Amino acid sequence: KWNGTSWVQQTVPATPSFYGAWGTSASSLWIVGDNGTIYKWDGSAWSPVQSSGTTNHLRGIWGADANNIWAVGEVGTILKWDGASWKPQVSGTTSFLRGIYGLDASNIWVVGDGGTILRWDGTKWSSMVSGTTRTLYSVWALAVNNVWAVGANGTILRQSGSTWGPENSGRTDTLYSVWGVDQNNLWAVGATGTILIRSGSPNWSSQAGAAAGVTLNRIWGLDTSHIWAVGTSNAIYYNNGFVWSLWDAKFGSDWYFDVWGTSKTSVWFVGFFGTGGGIRYDSTTPKYQVSGTDNGLSAVWGAGPNNVWTVGDHGTILQWSP
């Protein structure tokens, strides 16, 4: 917990690596990780889930509300929290599931290896024909019939209506993350410094700004004038609505894996070796906060600017809360 001057590490009985975090409030947060591990924060302490029902590694989590939460991972694993317990879902696949995103409790998408795309309709999971066998890493939805997925070899797919079809990325670099504001303002990022924008056309165009030697792992923003992309080689790139620029802060993290915030004056970046665990964006200058750990940090989530958590390797859980 953040005590006003530093991050304070939270303790849990086991030490698995955690890869995903999602919550509904400062007193209800879920984290998932290796060996089917799931922990819940109740506002004062972390408690392990009595049984997740699986030993498969979990890599993503998303929820619609406190009683409708899903976790996904290897071997086609999907678990659902119904307000009382985690229950296994029939996914119909053994593919590694890597990304999850939803609009509400009846419209959720999961993507993964082999071009796998699954959709939850409120009752069951169904496989959708993607038209590709390439690995898909990220999915983002604007509306029920307006969804995008990105992945290996520059793959970009769009669900328009009830079917998926390809969109032209013009690249063969692997894309790891997609995020947008509307169908005329979408971005995808990935290997070799790739930043793509979709601006009112099925064709995506490249945007300059990132070094070719950088792999961008995540993109996230508040609106079209406040967007961040993070990745390897100390990469934190910012788009002000016109151009991408590098924050050449050199905080020491080799890689950044995630970015999240509540406003343009409260954005957090987390990464490898833990040095990214306390980087906060204030006004126009990124400020470094000592995380107190050398462990890699994989995900960040918050209930507000003063209640932020980051999780990572070897059971690492850190909280910022004045």
C-alpha atoms as a PDB file:
ATOM      1  CA  LYS A   1       0.000   0.000   0.000  1.00  0.00           C
ATOM      2  CA  TRP A   2       1.154   3.575  -0.757  1.00  0.00           C
ATOM      3  CA  ASN A   3       1.747   5.300   2.594  1.00  0.00           C
ATOM      4  CA  GLY A   4       2.379   8.776   1.265  1.00  0.00           C
ATOM      5  CA  THR A   5       6.037   8.309   0.389  1.00  0.00           C
ATOM      6  CA  SER A   6       6.418   4.870  -1.172  1.00  0.00           C
ATOM      7  CA  TRP A   7       4.706   1.779  -2.548  1.00  0.00           C
ATOM      8  CA  VAL A   8       4.021  -0.924   0.027  1.00  0.00           C
ATOM      9  CA  GLN A   9       3.980  -4.549  -1.002  1.00  0.00           C
ATOM     10  CA  GLN A  10       0.924  -6.644  -0.203  1.00  0.00           C
ATOM     11  CA  THR A  11       1.475 -10.228   0.977  1.00  0.00           C
ATOM     12  CA  VAL A  12      -0.266 -13.436  -0.084  1.00  0.00           C
ATOM     13  CA  PRO A  13       0.342 -16.979   1.155  1.00  0.00           C
ATOM     14  CA  ALA A  14       1.504 -18.324  -2.209  1.00  0.00           C
ATOM     15  CA  THR A  15       3.953 -16.843  -4.711  1.00  0.00           C
ATOM     16  CA  PRO A  16       2.623 -17.525  -8.210  1.00  0.00           C
ATOM     17  CA  SER A  17       3.143 -14.972 -10.929  1.00  0.00           C
ATOM     18  CA  PHE A  18       0.095 -12.807 -11.619  1.00  0.00           C
ATOM     19  CA  TYR A  19      -0.831 -11.568 -15.101  1.00  0.00           C
ATOM     20  CA  GLY A  20      -4.229  -9.941 -14.885  1.00  0.00           C
ATOM     21  CA  ALA A  21      -6.180  -7.615 -12.601  1.00  0.00           C
ATOM     22  CA  TRP A  22      -9.741  -6.326 -12.693  1.00  0.00           C
ATOM     23  CA  GLY A  23     -12.170  -4.947 -10.151  1.00  0.00           C
ATOM     24  CA  THR A  24     -15.325  -3.011  -9.452  1.00  0.00           C
ATOM     25  CA  SER A  25     -14.205  -0.811  -6.570  1.00  0.00           C
ATOM     26  CA  ALA A  26     -11.489  -0.127  -4.017  1.00  0.00           C
ATOM     27  CA  SER A  27     -12.854  -3.008  -1.944  1.00  0.00           C
ATOM     28  CA  SER A  28     -13.381  -5.551  -4.713  1.00  0.00           C
ATOM     29  CA  LEU A  29     -10.408  -6.505  -6.881  1.00  0.00           C
ATOM     30  CA  TRP A  30      -9.538  -9.820  -8.531  1.00  0.00           C
ATOM     31  CA  ILE A  31      -6.119 -10.975  -9.777  1.00  0.00           C
ATOM     32  CA  VAL A  32      -5.268 -14.120 -11.760  1.00  0.00           C
ATOM     33  CA  GLY A  33      -2.082 -15.994 -12.566  1.00  0.00           C
ATOM     34  CA  ASP A  34      -0.168 -19.249 -12.753  1.00  0.00           C
ATOM     35  CA  ASN A  35      -1.603 -22.634 -11.795  1.00  0.00           C
ATOM     36  CA  GLY A  36      -5.178 -21.376 -11.779  1.00  0.00           C
ATOM     37  CA  THR A  37      -4.451 -18.979  -8.921  1.00  0.00           C
ATOM     38  CA  ILE A  38      -7.101 -16.364  -8.169  1.00  0.00           C
ATOM     39  CA  TYR A  39      -7.019 -13.892  -5.269  1.00  0.00           C
ATOM     40  CA  LYS A  40      -9.579 -11.326  -4.162  1.00  0.00           C
ATOM     41  CA  TRP A  41      -9.019  -8.019  -2.320  1.00  0.00           C
ATOM     42  CA  ASP A  42     -11.900  -7.109  -0.004  1.00  0.00           C
ATOM     43  CA  GLY A  43     -10.692  -3.681   1.016  1.00  0.00           C
ATOM     44  CA  SER A  44      -8.447  -4.839   3.839  1.00  0.00           C
ATOM     45  CA  ALA A  45      -6.845  -8.174   2.919  1.00  0.00           C
ATOM     46  CA  TRP A  46      -6.143 -10.590   0.080  1.00  0.00           C
ATOM     47  CA  SER A  47      -7.905 -13.949   0.212  1.00  0.00           C
ATOM     48  CA  PRO A  48      -7.237 -16.924  -2.066  1.00  0.00           C
ATOM     49  CA  VAL A  49     -10.228 -18.338  -3.886  1.00  0.00           C
ATOM     50  CA  GLN A  50     -11.113 -21.610  -2.228  1.00  0.00           C
ATOM     51  CA  SER A  51     -10.772 -23.365  -5.564  1.00  0.00           C
ATOM     52  CA  SER A  52     -10.652 -22.041  -9.100  1.00  0.00           C
ATOM     53  CA  GLY A  53     -11.198 -25.575 -10.358  1.00  0.00           C
ATOM     54  CA  THR A  54      -8.106 -25.544 -12.563  1.00  0.00           C
ATOM     55  CA  THR A  55      -4.329 -25.666 -12.417  1.00  0.00           C
ATOM     56  CA  ASN A  56      -4.005 -24.148 -15.866  1.00  0.00           C
ATOM     57  CA  HIS A  57      -2.266 -20.791 -16.104  1.00  0.00           C
ATOM     58  CA  LEU A  58      -4.624 -17.827 -16.333  1.00  0.00           C
ATOM     59  CA  ARG A  59      -3.620 -14.803 -18.411  1.00  0.00           C
ATOM     60  CA  GLY A  60      -6.590 -12.461 -18.613  1.00  0.00           C
ATOM     61  CA  ILE A  61      -9.602 -11.260 -16.657  1.00  0.00           C
ATOM     62  CA  TRP A  62     -12.547  -8.996 -17.451  1.00  0.00           C
ATOM     63  CA  GLY A  63     -15.870  -8.337 -15.781  1.00  0.00           C
ATOM     64  CA  ALA A  64     -19.195  -6.647 -16.398  1.00  0.00           C
ATOM     65  CA  ASP A  65     -20.046  -6.241 -12.712  1.00  0.00           C
ATOM     66  CA  ALA A  66     -19.351  -7.823  -9.321  1.00  0.00           C
ATOM     67  CA  ASN A  67     -21.316 -10.976 -10.183  1.00  0.00           C
ATOM     68  CA  ASN A  68     -20.192 -11.477 -13.774  1.00  0.00           C
ATOM     69  CA  ILE A  69     -16.438 -11.880 -14.136  1.00  0.00           C
ATOM     70  CA  TRP A  70     -14.466 -14.101 -16.507  1.00  0.00           C
ATOM     71  CA  ALA A  71     -10.876 -15.357 -16.445  1.00  0.00           C
ATOM     72  CA  VAL A  72      -9.130 -16.986 -19.409  1.00  0.00           C
ATOM     73  CA  GLY A  73      -5.887 -18.845 -20.049  1.00  0.00           C
ATOM     74  CA  GLU A  74      -4.164 -21.885 -21.459  1.00  0.00           C
ATOM     75  CA  VAL A  75      -5.793 -25.052 -22.823  1.00  0.00           C
ATOM     76  CA  GLY A  76      -8.995 -23.176 -23.627  1.00  0.00           C
ATOM     77  CA  THR A  77      -9.648 -22.385 -19.979  1.00  0.00           C
ATOM     78  CA  ILE A  78     -12.529 -20.023 -19.201  1.00  0.00           C
ATOM     79  CA  LEU A  79     -13.819 -19.509 -15.669  1.00  0.00           C
ATOM     80  CA  LYS A  80     -16.822 -17.439 -14.599  1.00  0.00           C
ATOM     81  CA  TRP A  81     -17.513 -15.818 -11.230  1.00  0.00           C
ATOM     82  CA  ASP A  82     -21.262 -15.735 -10.584  1.00  0.00           C
ATOM     83  CA  GLY A  83     -21.179 -13.897  -7.279  1.00  0.00           C
ATOM     84  CA  ALA A  84     -20.685 -17.043  -5.202  1.00  0.00           C
ATOM     85  CA  SER A  85     -17.991 -19.172  -6.848  1.00  0.00           C
ATOM     86  CA  TRP A  86     -15.814 -19.616  -9.914  1.00  0.00           C
ATOM     87  CA  LYS A  87     -17.208 -22.154 -12.349  1.00  0.00           C
ATOM     88  CA  PRO A  88     -15.557 -23.684 -15.441  1.00  0.00           C
ATOM     89  CA  GLN A  89     -17.095 -22.765 -18.760  1.00  0.00           C
ATOM     90  CA  VAL A  90     -17.298 -24.929 -21.859  1.00  0.00           C
ATOM     91  CA  SER A  91     -15.088 -23.118 -24.348  1.00  0.00           C
ATOM     92  CA  GLY A  92     -15.019 -25.793 -27.036  1.00  0.00           C
ATOM     93  CA  THR A  93     -11.310 -25.250 -27.654  1.00  0.00           C
ATOM     94  CA  THR A  94      -7.908 -26.238 -26.263  1.00  0.00           C
ATOM     95  CA  SER A  95      -6.202 -23.155 -27.673  1.00  0.00           C
ATOM     96  CA  PHE A  96      -4.266 -20.770 -25.454  1.00  0.00           C
ATOM     97  CA  LEU A  97      -6.650 -17.870 -24.818  1.00  0.00           C
ATOM     98  CA  ARG A  98      -4.740 -14.585 -24.639  1.00  0.00           C
ATOM     99  CA  GLY A  99      -7.160 -11.672 -24.738  1.00  0.00           C
ATOM    100  CA  ILE A 100     -10.618 -10.844 -23.401  1.00  0.00           C
ATOM    101  CA  TYR A 101     -12.851  -7.791 -23.740  1.00  0.00           C
ATOM    102  CA  GLY A 102     -16.538  -7.125 -23.306  1.00  0.00           C
ATOM    103  CA  LEU A 103     -19.309  -4.575 -23.432  1.00  0.00           C
ATOM    104  CA  ASP A 104     -21.650  -6.065 -20.830  1.00  0.00           C
ATOM    105  CA  ALA A 105     -22.605  -9.398 -19.273  1.00  0.00           C
ATOM    106  CA  SER A 106     -24.044 -10.665 -22.567  1.00  0.00           C
ATOM    107  CA  ASN A 107     -21.415  -9.524 -25.051  1.00  0.00           C
ATOM    108  CA  ILE A 108     -17.844 -10.707 -24.472  1.00  0.00           C
ATOM    109  CA  TRP A 109     -15.085 -11.788 -26.843  1.00  0.00           C
ATOM    110  CA  VAL A 110     -12.001 -13.937 -26.266  1.00  0.00           C
ATOM    111  CA  VAL A 111      -9.119 -14.433 -28.709  1.00  0.00           C
ATOM    112  CA  GLY A 112      -6.117 -16.744 -28.789  1.00  0.00           C
ATOM    113  CA  ASP A 113      -3.888 -19.157 -30.633  1.00  0.00           C
ATOM    114  CA  GLY A 114      -4.765 -20.590 -34.026  1.00  0.00           C
ATOM    115  CA  GLY A 115      -7.037 -17.682 -34.886  1.00  0.00           C
ATOM    116  CA  THR A 116      -9.434 -18.630 -32.095  1.00  0.00           C
ATOM    117  CA  ILE A 117     -12.320 -16.225 -31.484  1.00  0.00           C
ATOM    118  CA  LEU A 118     -15.034 -17.032 -28.963  1.00  0.00           C
ATOM    119  CA  ARG A 119     -18.120 -15.027 -28.087  1.00  0.00           C
ATOM    120  CA  TRP A 120     -20.306 -15.083 -24.975  1.00  0.00           C
ATOM    121  CA  ASP A 121     -23.951 -14.226 -25.650  1.00  0.00           C
ATOM    122  CA  GLY A 122     -25.153 -14.241 -22.064  1.00  0.00           C
ATOM    123  CA  THR A 123     -25.824 -17.980 -22.045  1.00  0.00           C
ATOM    124  CA  LYS A 124     -22.981 -19.840 -23.711  1.00  0.00           C
ATOM    125  CA  TRP A 125     -19.636 -19.503 -25.462  1.00  0.00           C
ATOM    126  CA  SER A 126     -19.604 -20.024 -29.232  1.00  0.00           C
ATOM    127  CA  SER A 127     -16.723 -20.279 -31.672  1.00  0.00           C
ATOM    128  CA  MET A 128     -16.650 -17.722 -34.466  1.00  0.00           C
ATOM    129  CA  VAL A 129     -14.966 -18.237 -37.827  1.00  0.00           C
ATOM    130  CA  SER A 130     -11.972 -15.906 -37.911  1.00  0.00           C
ATOM    131  CA  GLY A 131     -10.634 -16.863 -41.330  1.00  0.00           C
ATOM    132  CA  THR A 132      -7.070 -17.142 -39.996  1.00  0.00           C
ATOM    133  CA  THR A 133      -4.893 -19.615 -38.110  1.00  0.00           C
ATOM    134  CA  ARG A 134      -2.565 -16.929 -36.806  1.00  0.00           C
ATOM    135  CA  THR A 135      -2.323 -16.172 -33.106  1.00  0.00           C
ATOM    136  CA  LEU A 136      -4.558 -13.336 -31.940  1.00  0.00           C
ATOM    137  CA  TYR A 137      -3.349 -11.354 -28.931  1.00  0.00           C
ATOM    138  CA  SER A 138      -5.857  -8.583 -28.321  1.00  0.00           C
ATOM    139  CA  VAL A 139      -9.513  -7.737 -28.896  1.00  0.00           C
ATOM    140  CA  TRP A 140     -11.452  -4.497 -28.477  1.00  0.00           C
ATOM    141  CA  ALA A 141     -15.144  -3.769 -29.032  1.00  0.00           C
ATOM    142  CA  LEU A 142     -16.988  -0.569 -29.852  1.00  0.00           C
ATOM    143  CA  ALA A 143     -20.419  -2.150 -30.189  1.00  0.00           C
ATOM    144  CA  VAL A 144     -22.025  -5.586 -30.434  1.00  0.00           C
ATOM    145  CA  ASN A 145     -21.360  -5.804 -34.168  1.00  0.00           C
ATOM    146  CA  ASN A 146     -18.243  -3.659 -34.331  1.00  0.00           C
ATOM    147  CA  VAL A 147     -15.243  -5.522 -32.878  1.00  0.00           C
ATOM    148  CA  TRP A 148     -11.555  -5.719 -33.778  1.00  0.00           C
ATOM    149  CA  ALA A 149      -8.876  -8.329 -33.083  1.00  0.00           C
ATOM    150  CA  VAL A 150      -5.147  -8.154 -33.847  1.00  0.00           C
ATOM    151  CA  GLY A 151      -2.307 -10.639 -33.919  1.00  0.00           C
ATOM    152  CA  ALA A 152       0.609 -12.284 -35.676  1.00  0.00           C
ATOM    153  CA  ASN A 153       1.884 -11.237 -39.103  1.00  0.00           C
ATOM    154  CA  GLY A 154       0.050  -7.920 -39.053  1.00  0.00           C
ATOM    155  CA  THR A 155      -3.339  -9.596 -38.757  1.00  0.00           C
ATOM    156  CA  ILE A 156      -6.282  -7.274 -38.167  1.00  0.00           C
ATOM    157  CA  LEU A 157      -9.807  -8.675 -38.160  1.00  0.00           C
ATOM    158  CA  ARG A 158     -13.123  -6.906 -37.794  1.00  0.00           C
ATOM    159  CA  GLN A 159     -16.488  -8.284 -36.819  1.00  0.00           C
ATOM    160  CA  SER A 160     -19.108  -6.386 -38.772  1.00  0.00           C
ATOM    161  CA  GLY A 161     -22.541  -7.820 -38.232  1.00  0.00           C
ATOM    162  CA  SER A 162     -22.204 -11.489 -37.335  1.00  0.00           C
ATOM    163  CA  THR A 163     -19.084 -12.333 -39.355  1.00  0.00           C
ATOM    164  CA  TRP A 164     -15.371 -11.593 -39.144  1.00  0.00           C
ATOM    165  CA  GLY A 165     -13.277 -10.387 -42.054  1.00  0.00           C
ATOM    166  CA  PRO A 166      -9.732  -9.109 -42.586  1.00  0.00           C
ATOM    167  CA  GLU A 167      -8.706  -5.471 -42.747  1.00  0.00           C
ATOM    168  CA  ASN A 168      -5.523  -4.410 -44.488  1.00  0.00           C
ATOM    169  CA  SER A 169      -2.766  -3.511 -42.018  1.00  0.00           C
ATOM    170  CA  GLY A 170      -0.104  -3.151 -44.698  1.00  0.00           C
ATOM    171  CA  ARG A 171       2.356  -4.810 -42.272  1.00  0.00           C
ATOM    172  CA  THR A 172       3.684  -8.264 -41.448  1.00  0.00           C
ATOM    173  CA  ASP A 173       4.811  -7.351 -37.931  1.00  0.00           C
ATOM    174  CA  THR A 174       3.029  -8.991 -35.014  1.00  0.00           C
ATOM    175  CA  LEU A 175       0.431  -6.731 -33.382  1.00  0.00           C
ATOM    176  CA  TYR A 176      -0.040  -7.109 -29.631  1.00  0.00           C
ATOM    177  CA  SER A 177      -2.659  -4.543 -28.646  1.00  0.00           C
ATOM    178  CA  VAL A 178      -5.631  -2.673 -30.075  1.00  0.00           C
ATOM    179  CA  TRP A 179      -7.605   0.213 -28.572  1.00  0.00           C
ATOM    180  CA  GLY A 180      -9.887   2.918 -29.871  1.00  0.00           C
ATOM    181  CA  VAL A 181     -12.384   5.695 -29.318  1.00  0.00           C
ATOM    182  CA  ASP A 182     -14.682   4.993 -32.257  1.00  0.00           C
ATOM    183  CA  GLN A 183     -14.489   3.257 -35.627  1.00  0.00           C
ATOM    184  CA  ASN A 184     -12.732   6.266 -37.113  1.00  0.00           C
ATOM    185  CA  ASN A 185     -10.121   6.470 -34.373  1.00  0.00           C
ATOM    186  CA  LEU A 186      -8.521   3.101 -33.633  1.00  0.00           C
ATOM    187  CA  TRP A 187      -4.887   2.208 -33.010  1.00  0.00           C
ATOM    188  CA  ALA A 188      -2.909  -1.026 -33.031  1.00  0.00           C
ATOM    189  CA  VAL A 189       0.689  -1.471 -31.890  1.00  0.00           C
ATOM    190  CA  GLY A 190       3.288  -4.206 -32.055  1.00  0.00           C
ATOM    191  CA  ALA A 191       6.734  -5.353 -33.120  1.00  0.00           C
ATOM    192  CA  THR A 192       9.384  -3.159 -34.794  1.00  0.00           C
ATOM    193  CA  GLY A 193       7.828   0.016 -33.414  1.00  0.00           C
ATOM    194  CA  THR A 194       4.625  -0.509 -35.363  1.00  0.00           C
ATOM    195  CA  ILE A 195       1.860   2.013 -34.695  1.00  0.00           C
ATOM    196  CA  LEU A 196      -1.180   1.791 -36.963  1.00  0.00           C
ATOM    197  CA  ILE A 197      -4.263   3.982 -37.121  1.00  0.00           C
ATOM    198  CA  ARG A 198      -7.671   3.321 -38.632  1.00  0.00           C
ATOM    199  CA  SER A 199      -9.279   6.602 -39.555  1.00  0.00           C
ATOM    200  CA  GLY A 200     -12.523   5.998 -41.378  1.00  0.00           C
ATOM    201  CA  SER A 201     -11.301   3.309 -43.746  1.00  0.00           C
ATOM    202  CA  PRO A 202     -10.923  -0.474 -43.710  1.00  0.00           C
ATOM    203  CA  ASN A 203      -7.276   0.172 -44.512  1.00  0.00           C
ATOM    204  CA  TRP A 204      -4.905   1.012 -41.670  1.00  0.00           C
ATOM    205  CA  SER A 205      -1.968   3.386 -42.078  1.00  0.00           C
ATOM    206  CA  SER A 206       1.340   3.608 -40.243  1.00  0.00           C
ATOM    207  CA  GLN A 207       2.142   6.437 -37.870  1.00  0.00           C
ATOM    208  CA  ALA A 208       5.711   7.568 -37.286  1.00  0.00           C
ATOM    209  CA  GLY A 209       7.255   8.094 -33.892  1.00  0.00           C
ATOM    210  CA  ALA A 210       8.407   4.763 -32.452  1.00  0.00           C
ATOM    211  CA  ALA A 211      11.886   3.345 -32.993  1.00  0.00           C
ATOM    212  CA  ALA A 212      12.129   0.289 -35.251  1.00  0.00           C
ATOM    213  CA  GLY A 213      13.928  -1.697 -32.542  1.00  0.00           C
ATOM    214  CA  VAL A 214      11.063  -1.333 -30.065  1.00  0.00           C
ATOM    215  CA  THR A 215       8.272  -3.826 -29.482  1.00  0.00           C
ATOM    216  CA  LEU A 216       5.128  -2.098 -28.255  1.00  0.00           C
ATOM    217  CA  ASN A 217       3.124  -4.310 -25.898  1.00  0.00           C
ATOM    218  CA  ARG A 218       0.137  -2.178 -24.963  1.00  0.00           C
ATOM    219  CA  ILE A 219      -1.810   0.870 -26.110  1.00  0.00           C
ATOM    220  CA  TRP A 220      -4.351   2.729 -23.996  1.00  0.00           C
ATOM    221  CA  GLY A 221      -5.834   6.188 -23.862  1.00  0.00           C
ATOM    222  CA  LEU A 222      -8.406   8.571 -22.487  1.00  0.00           C
ATOM    223  CA  ASP A 223      -9.469  10.143 -25.778  1.00  0.00           C
ATOM    224  CA  THR A 224      -7.990  11.027 -29.175  1.00  0.00           C
ATOM    225  CA  SER A 225      -5.616  13.576 -27.622  1.00  0.00           C
ATOM    226  CA  HIS A 226      -4.247  11.498 -24.748  1.00  0.00           C
ATOM    227  CA  ILE A 227      -2.900   8.108 -25.852  1.00  0.00           C
ATOM    228  CA  TRP A 228       0.047   6.082 -24.553  1.00  0.00           C
ATOM    229  CA  ALA A 229       1.890   3.096 -26.038  1.00  0.00           C
ATOM    230  CA  VAL A 230       4.479   1.188 -24.008  1.00  0.00           C
ATOM    231  CA  GLY A 231       7.031  -1.513 -24.721  1.00  0.00           C
ATOM    232  CA  THR A 232      10.662  -2.587 -24.754  1.00  0.00           C
ATOM    233  CA  SER A 233      13.806  -0.453 -24.510  1.00  0.00           C
ATOM    234  CA  ASN A 234      12.269   1.984 -22.022  1.00  0.00           C
ATOM    235  CA  ALA A 235       9.545   2.822 -24.510  1.00  0.00           C
ATOM    236  CA  ILE A 236       6.804   5.150 -23.324  1.00  0.00           C
ATOM    237  CA  TYR A 237       5.291   6.948 -26.303  1.00  0.00           C
ATOM    238  CA  TYR A 238       2.627   9.638 -26.077  1.00  0.00           C
ATOM    239  CA  ASN A 239       0.206  10.939 -28.688  1.00  0.00           C
ATOM    240  CA  ASN A 240      -1.234  14.414 -28.115  1.00  0.00           C
ATOM    241  CA  GLY A 241      -3.711  14.129 -30.953  1.00  0.00           C
ATOM    242  CA  PHE A 242      -1.191  15.123 -33.613  1.00  0.00           C
ATOM    243  CA  VAL A 243       2.112  13.267 -33.253  1.00  0.00           C
ATOM    244  CA  TRP A 244       3.740  10.457 -31.284  1.00  0.00           C
ATOM    245  CA  SER A 245       6.710  11.420 -29.131  1.00  0.00           C
ATOM    246  CA  LEU A 246       9.050   9.462 -26.858  1.00  0.00           C
ATOM    247  CA  TRP A 247       9.303  10.225 -23.182  1.00  0.00           C
ATOM    248  CA  ASP A 248      13.032   9.720 -22.955  1.00  0.00           C
ATOM    249  CA  ALA A 249      12.868   9.322 -19.189  1.00  0.00           C
ATOM    250  CA  LYS A 250      15.287   6.359 -18.989  1.00  0.00           C
ATOM    251  CA  PHE A 251      13.828   5.083 -15.745  1.00  0.00           C
ATOM    252  CA  GLY A 252      15.693   1.800 -16.177  1.00  0.00           C
ATOM    253  CA  SER A 253      12.939  -0.673 -16.995  1.00  0.00           C
ATOM    254  CA  ASP A 254      13.873  -2.878 -19.917  1.00  0.00           C
ATOM    255  CA  TRP A 255      10.246  -3.525 -20.789  1.00  0.00           C
ATOM    256  CA  TYR A 256       6.861  -2.002 -20.051  1.00  0.00           C
ATOM    257  CA  PHE A 257       3.886  -4.344 -20.206  1.00  0.00           C
ATOM    258  CA  ASP A 258       0.880  -2.281 -19.239  1.00  0.00           C
ATOM    259  CA  VAL A 259      -0.499   1.242 -18.904  1.00  0.00           C
ATOM    260  CA  TRP A 260      -3.625   2.505 -17.156  1.00  0.00           C
ATOM    261  CA  GLY A 261      -4.949   5.752 -15.761  1.00  0.00           C
ATOM    262  CA  THR A 262      -7.886   7.838 -14.656  1.00  0.00           C
ATOM    263  CA  SER A 263      -7.033  11.212 -16.170  1.00  0.00           C
ATOM    264  CA  LYS A 264      -4.274  13.003 -18.031  1.00  0.00           C
ATOM    265  CA  THR A 265      -2.633  13.763 -14.686  1.00  0.00           C
ATOM    266  CA  SER A 266      -2.797  10.231 -13.330  1.00  0.00           C
ATOM    267  CA  VAL A 267      -1.384   7.529 -15.580  1.00  0.00           C
ATOM    268  CA  TRP A 268       0.667   4.511 -14.458  1.00  0.00           C
ATOM    269  CA  PHE A 269       3.169   2.359 -16.363  1.00  0.00           C
ATOM    270  CA  VAL A 270       4.439  -1.024 -15.145  1.00  0.00           C
ATOM    271  CA  GLY A 271       7.131  -3.303 -16.422  1.00  0.00           C
ATOM    272  CA  PHE A 272      10.032  -5.686 -16.159  1.00  0.00           C
ATOM    273  CA  PHE A 273      12.404  -5.678 -13.169  1.00  0.00           C
ATOM    274  CA  GLY A 274       9.807  -3.703 -11.251  1.00  0.00           C
ATOM    275  CA  THR A 275      11.277  -0.291 -12.006  1.00  0.00           C
ATOM    276  CA  GLY A 276       8.159   0.675 -13.912  1.00  0.00           C
ATOM    277  CA  GLY A 277       5.997  -0.147 -10.929  1.00  0.00           C
ATOM    278  CA  GLY A 278       5.838   3.417  -9.756  1.00  0.00           C
ATOM    279  CA  ILE A 279       5.999   5.635 -12.786  1.00  0.00           C
ATOM    280  CA  ARG A 280       3.205   8.155 -12.654  1.00  0.00           C
ATOM    281  CA  TYR A 281       2.369  10.816 -15.206  1.00  0.00           C
ATOM    282  CA  ASP A 282       1.682  14.206 -13.660  1.00  0.00           C
ATOM    283  CA  SER A 283       0.712  17.073 -15.955  1.00  0.00           C
ATOM    284  CA  THR A 284       3.531  17.011 -18.531  1.00  0.00           C
ATOM    285  CA  THR A 285       6.334  15.117 -16.775  1.00  0.00           C
ATOM    286  CA  PRO A 286       6.568  11.395 -15.957  1.00  0.00           C
ATOM    287  CA  LYS A 287       7.674  11.012 -12.363  1.00  0.00           C
ATOM    288  CA  TYR A 288       9.341   7.917 -10.994  1.00  0.00           C
ATOM    289  CA  GLN A 289       8.136   6.301  -7.781  1.00  0.00           C
ATOM    290  CA  VAL A 290      10.236   3.553  -6.182  1.00  0.00           C
ATOM    291  CA  SER A 291       8.307   0.283  -6.415  1.00  0.00           C
ATOM    292  CA  GLY A 292      10.400  -1.560  -3.825  1.00  0.00           C
ATOM    293  CA  THR A 293      10.663  -4.722  -5.913  1.00  0.00           C
ATOM    294  CA  ASP A 294      12.884  -6.094  -8.658  1.00  0.00           C
ATOM    295  CA  ASN A 295      10.173  -8.463  -9.839  1.00  0.00           C
ATOM    296  CA  GLY A 296       8.543  -7.934 -13.183  1.00  0.00           C
ATOM    297  CA  LEU A 297       5.150  -6.215 -13.127  1.00  0.00           C
ATOM    298  CA  SER A 298       2.600  -7.407 -15.685  1.00  0.00           C
ATOM    299  CA  ALA A 299      -0.686  -5.587 -15.122  1.00  0.00           C
ATOM    300  CA  VAL A 300      -2.066  -2.429 -13.527  1.00  0.00           C
ATOM    301  CA  TRP A 301      -5.631  -1.517 -12.559  1.00  0.00           C
ATOM    302  CA  GLY A 302      -7.247   1.014 -10.284  1.00  0.00           C
ATOM    303  CA  ALA A 303     -10.504   2.086  -8.720  1.00  0.00           C
ATOM    304  CA  GLY A 304      -9.438   5.719  -8.888  1.00  0.00           C
ATOM    305  CA  PRO A 305      -6.348   7.943  -8.833  1.00  0.00           C
ATOM    306  CA  ASN A 306      -5.670   7.077  -5.192  1.00  0.00           C
ATOM    307  CA  ASN A 307      -6.432   3.355  -5.341  1.00  0.00           C
ATOM    308  CA  VAL A 308      -4.143   1.651  -7.846  1.00  0.00           C
ATOM    309  CA  TRP A 309      -2.751  -1.882  -7.857  1.00  0.00           C
ATOM    310  CA  THR A 310      -0.054  -3.553  -9.918  1.00  0.00           C
ATOM    311  CA  VAL A 311       0.764  -7.273  -9.952  1.00  0.00           C
ATOM    312  CA  GLY A 312       3.550  -9.420 -11.351  1.00  0.00           C
ATOM    313  CA  ASP A 313       6.121 -12.153 -10.827  1.00  0.00           C
ATOM    314  CA  HIS A 314       6.593 -14.260  -7.690  1.00  0.00           C
ATOM    315  CA  GLY A 315       3.362 -13.178  -6.039  1.00  0.00           C
ATOM    316  CA  THR A 316       4.133  -9.472  -6.287  1.00  0.00           C
ATOM    317  CA  ILE A 317       1.201  -7.198  -5.422  1.00  0.00           C
ATOM    318  CA  LEU A 318       1.706  -3.468  -4.892  1.00  0.00           C
ATOM    319  CA  GLN A 319      -0.882  -0.864  -3.967  1.00  0.00           C
ATOM    320  CA  TRP A 320      -0.899   2.931  -4.217  1.00  0.00           C
ATOM    321  CA  SER A 321      -3.351   4.485  -1.773  1.00  0.00           C
ATOM    322  CA  PRO A 322      -2.741   7.677   0.232  1.00  0.00           C
END
